[in-house]
Amino acid sequence: MRDTGFHPLDGARYLETLDALTRLARLVAHHSGAVYEAEQGGLTAELAVYEREDSPVLDALIYADMTTGPAGQSFDFGRRIDEILERYEVGSEVHTAISKAPSYLAAQA
């Protein structure tokens, strides 16, 4: 399942191998500000293959991701952002991306 190491893209590609709905793959590809991390990792062209939808469904997916920790813990939005920034090293692609995305994520969540 791991191909690029960028889980939104790898997840979307994996769903395609399962013949999942195209919409589901697109939602997974663009969850939680994936574009910010794709920019950091040089994967914007690969992500662009998946059209991003602006919808309440994507907002709900972002909300779920931004209020749930990696072990299923329930977090408020601010604590979740802090948790991500604490877990990833300063300068890493994820840390840099999340540092740029709080306003976007807060608006979506």
C-alpha atoms as a PDB file:
ATOM      1  CA  MET A   1       0.000   0.000   0.000  1.00  0.00           C
ATOM      2  CA  ARG A   2       2.909   2.374   0.634  1.00  0.00           C
ATOM      3  CA  ASP A   3       4.221   3.772  -2.629  1.00  0.00           C
ATOM      4  CA  THR A   4       5.210   7.420  -2.245  1.00  0.00           C
ATOM      5  CA  GLY A   5       5.155   7.579   1.566  1.00  0.00           C
ATOM      6  CA  PHE A   6       2.544  10.344   1.294  1.00  0.00           C
ATOM      7  CA  HIS A   7      -0.464   8.659   2.862  1.00  0.00           C
ATOM      8  CA  PRO A   8      -3.256  10.671   1.164  1.00  0.00           C
ATOM      9  CA  LEU A   9      -1.878   9.769  -2.261  1.00  0.00           C
ATOM     10  CA  ASP A  10      -0.979   6.201  -1.327  1.00  0.00           C
ATOM     11  CA  GLY A  11      -4.425   5.710   0.195  1.00  0.00           C
ATOM     12  CA  ALA A  12      -6.181   7.039  -2.900  1.00  0.00           C
ATOM     13  CA  ARG A  13      -4.111   4.806  -5.166  1.00  0.00           C
ATOM     14  CA  TYR A  14      -4.807   1.804  -2.966  1.00  0.00           C
ATOM     15  CA  LEU A  15      -8.543   2.479  -3.091  1.00  0.00           C
ATOM     16  CA  GLU A  16      -8.330   2.493  -6.881  1.00  0.00           C
ATOM     17  CA  THR A  17      -6.832  -1.013  -6.807  1.00  0.00           C
ATOM     18  CA  LEU A  18      -9.914  -2.094  -4.851  1.00  0.00           C
ATOM     19  CA  ASP A  19     -12.201  -0.566  -7.489  1.00  0.00           C
ATOM     20  CA  ALA A  20     -13.546   1.837  -4.865  1.00  0.00           C
ATOM     21  CA  LEU A  21     -15.655   4.748  -5.970  1.00  0.00           C
ATOM     22  CA  THR A  22     -13.621   7.461  -7.673  1.00  0.00           C
ATOM     23  CA  ARG A  23     -15.138  10.012  -5.313  1.00  0.00           C
ATOM     24  CA  LEU A  24     -13.822   8.127  -2.294  1.00  0.00           C
ATOM     25  CA  ALA A  25     -10.305   8.066  -3.719  1.00  0.00           C
ATOM     26  CA  ARG A  26     -10.517  11.803  -4.404  1.00  0.00           C
ATOM     27  CA  LEU A  27     -11.713  12.550  -0.878  1.00  0.00           C
ATOM     28  CA  VAL A  28      -8.897  10.510   0.642  1.00  0.00           C
ATOM     29  CA  ALA A  29      -6.354  12.161  -1.645  1.00  0.00           C
ATOM     30  CA  HIS A  30      -7.374  15.640  -0.502  1.00  0.00           C
ATOM     31  CA  HIS A  31      -8.166  15.142   3.157  1.00  0.00           C
ATOM     32  CA  SER A  32      -6.770  17.463   5.800  1.00  0.00           C
ATOM     33  CA  GLY A  33      -4.895  19.892   3.610  1.00  0.00           C
ATOM     34  CA  ALA A  34      -3.002  17.267   1.666  1.00  0.00           C
ATOM     35  CA  VAL A  35      -2.018  19.899  -0.878  1.00  0.00           C
ATOM     36  CA  TYR A  36       0.234  21.565   1.709  1.00  0.00           C
ATOM     37  CA  GLU A  37       2.176  18.375   2.312  1.00  0.00           C
ATOM     38  CA  ALA A  38       2.225  17.526  -1.401  1.00  0.00           C
ATOM     39  CA  GLU A  39       3.920  20.878  -2.024  1.00  0.00           C
ATOM     40  CA  GLN A  40       6.571  20.052   0.572  1.00  0.00           C
ATOM     41  CA  GLY A  41       7.236  16.618  -0.926  1.00  0.00           C
ATOM     42  CA  GLY A  42       7.161  17.621  -4.585  1.00  0.00           C
ATOM     43  CA  LEU A  43       4.010  15.587  -5.225  1.00  0.00           C
ATOM     44  CA  THR A  44       1.582  18.272  -6.411  1.00  0.00           C
ATOM     45  CA  ALA A  45       1.398  16.852  -9.941  1.00  0.00           C
ATOM     46  CA  GLU A  46       0.615  13.377  -8.595  1.00  0.00           C
ATOM     47  CA  LEU A  47      -2.051  14.780  -6.260  1.00  0.00           C
ATOM     48  CA  ALA A  48      -3.566  16.874  -9.059  1.00  0.00           C
ATOM     49  CA  VAL A  49      -4.650  13.653 -10.773  1.00  0.00           C
ATOM     50  CA  TYR A  50      -7.379  13.550  -8.119  1.00  0.00           C
ATOM     51  CA  GLU A  51      -9.878  16.355  -8.517  1.00  0.00           C
ATOM     52  CA  ARG A  52     -10.551  18.121  -5.214  1.00  0.00           C
ATOM     53  CA  GLU A  53     -14.180  18.600  -4.319  1.00  0.00           C
ATOM     54  CA  ASP A  54     -15.326  21.402  -2.064  1.00  0.00           C
ATOM     55  CA  SER A  55     -18.224  19.851  -0.205  1.00  0.00           C
ATOM     56  CA  PRO A  56     -19.668  19.168   3.230  1.00  0.00           C
ATOM     57  CA  VAL A  57     -18.432  15.571   2.837  1.00  0.00           C
ATOM     58  CA  LEU A  58     -14.795  16.684   2.509  1.00  0.00           C
ATOM     59  CA  ASP A  59     -15.324  19.092   5.410  1.00  0.00           C
ATOM     60  CA  ALA A  60     -16.666  16.215   7.527  1.00  0.00           C
ATOM     61  CA  LEU A  61     -13.655  14.053   6.654  1.00  0.00           C
ATOM     62  CA  ILE A  62     -11.284  16.868   7.598  1.00  0.00           C
ATOM     63  CA  TYR A  63     -13.206  17.439  10.835  1.00  0.00           C
ATOM     64  CA  ALA A  64     -12.974  13.745  11.719  1.00  0.00           C
ATOM     65  CA  ASP A  65      -9.238  13.667  11.007  1.00  0.00           C
ATOM     66  CA  MET A  66      -8.577  16.929  12.845  1.00  0.00           C
ATOM     67  CA  THR A  67     -10.380  15.767  15.997  1.00  0.00           C
ATOM     68  CA  THR A  68      -9.002  12.225  16.201  1.00  0.00           C
ATOM     69  CA  GLY A  69      -5.483  11.266  17.248  1.00  0.00           C
ATOM     70  CA  PRO A  70      -3.309   8.555  15.737  1.00  0.00           C
ATOM     71  CA  ALA A  71      -4.494   6.000  18.308  1.00  0.00           C
ATOM     72  CA  GLY A  72      -8.153   7.000  18.066  1.00  0.00           C
ATOM     73  CA  GLN A  73      -8.039   9.580  20.852  1.00  0.00           C
ATOM     74  CA  SER A  74     -10.612  12.344  20.828  1.00  0.00           C
ATOM     75  CA  PHE A  75      -9.002  15.791  20.520  1.00  0.00           C
ATOM     76  CA  ASP A  76     -10.290  19.273  19.979  1.00  0.00           C
ATOM     77  CA  PHE A  77      -8.914  20.931  16.865  1.00  0.00           C
ATOM     78  CA  GLY A  78      -6.174  22.936  18.587  1.00  0.00           C
ATOM     79  CA  ARG A  79      -4.891  19.944  20.539  1.00  0.00           C
ATOM     80  CA  ARG A  80      -4.804  17.857  17.351  1.00  0.00           C
ATOM     81  CA  ILE A  81      -2.689  20.457  15.562  1.00  0.00           C
ATOM     82  CA  ASP A  82      -0.364  20.578  18.583  1.00  0.00           C
ATOM     83  CA  GLU A  83      -0.167  16.771  18.648  1.00  0.00           C
ATOM     84  CA  ILE A  84       0.891  16.636  14.994  1.00  0.00           C
ATOM     85  CA  LEU A  85       3.490  19.368  15.461  1.00  0.00           C
ATOM     86  CA  GLU A  86       4.879  17.575  18.524  1.00  0.00           C
ATOM     87  CA  ARG A  87       4.997  14.188  16.784  1.00  0.00           C
ATOM     88  CA  TYR A  88       6.808  15.361  13.655  1.00  0.00           C
ATOM     89  CA  GLU A  89      10.254  16.891  13.724  1.00  0.00           C
ATOM     90  CA  VAL A  90      10.626  20.580  12.934  1.00  0.00           C
ATOM     91  CA  GLY A  91      11.630  20.832   9.280  1.00  0.00           C
ATOM     92  CA  SER A  92       9.900  17.600   8.266  1.00  0.00           C
ATOM     93  CA  GLU A  93       7.400  17.752   5.415  1.00  0.00           C
ATOM     94  CA  VAL A  94       4.447  17.092   7.726  1.00  0.00           C
ATOM     95  CA  HIS A  95       5.519  19.642  10.358  1.00  0.00           C
ATOM     96  CA  THR A  96       6.096  22.310   7.713  1.00  0.00           C
ATOM     97  CA  ALA A  97       2.814  21.571   5.950  1.00  0.00           C
ATOM     98  CA  ILE A  98       0.729  21.593   9.141  1.00  0.00           C
ATOM     99  CA  SER A  99       2.447  24.796  10.237  1.00  0.00           C
ATOM    100  CA  LYS A 100       1.160  26.430   7.043  1.00  0.00           C
ATOM    101  CA  ALA A 101      -2.327  24.927   7.111  1.00  0.00           C
ATOM    102  CA  PRO A 102      -4.065  25.734  10.453  1.00  0.00           C
ATOM    103  CA  SER A 103      -6.269  28.530   9.057  1.00  0.00           C
ATOM    104  CA  TYR A 104      -7.349  26.387   6.116  1.00  0.00           C
ATOM    105  CA  LEU A 105      -7.972  23.347   8.314  1.00  0.00           C
ATOM    106  CA  ALA A 106      -9.851  25.342  10.942  1.00  0.00           C
ATOM    107  CA  ALA A 107     -12.129  26.797   8.257  1.00  0.00           C
ATOM    108  CA  GLN A 108     -12.796  23.341   6.822  1.00  0.00           C
ATOM    109  CA  ALA A 109     -13.280  21.659  10.186  1.00  0.00           C
END
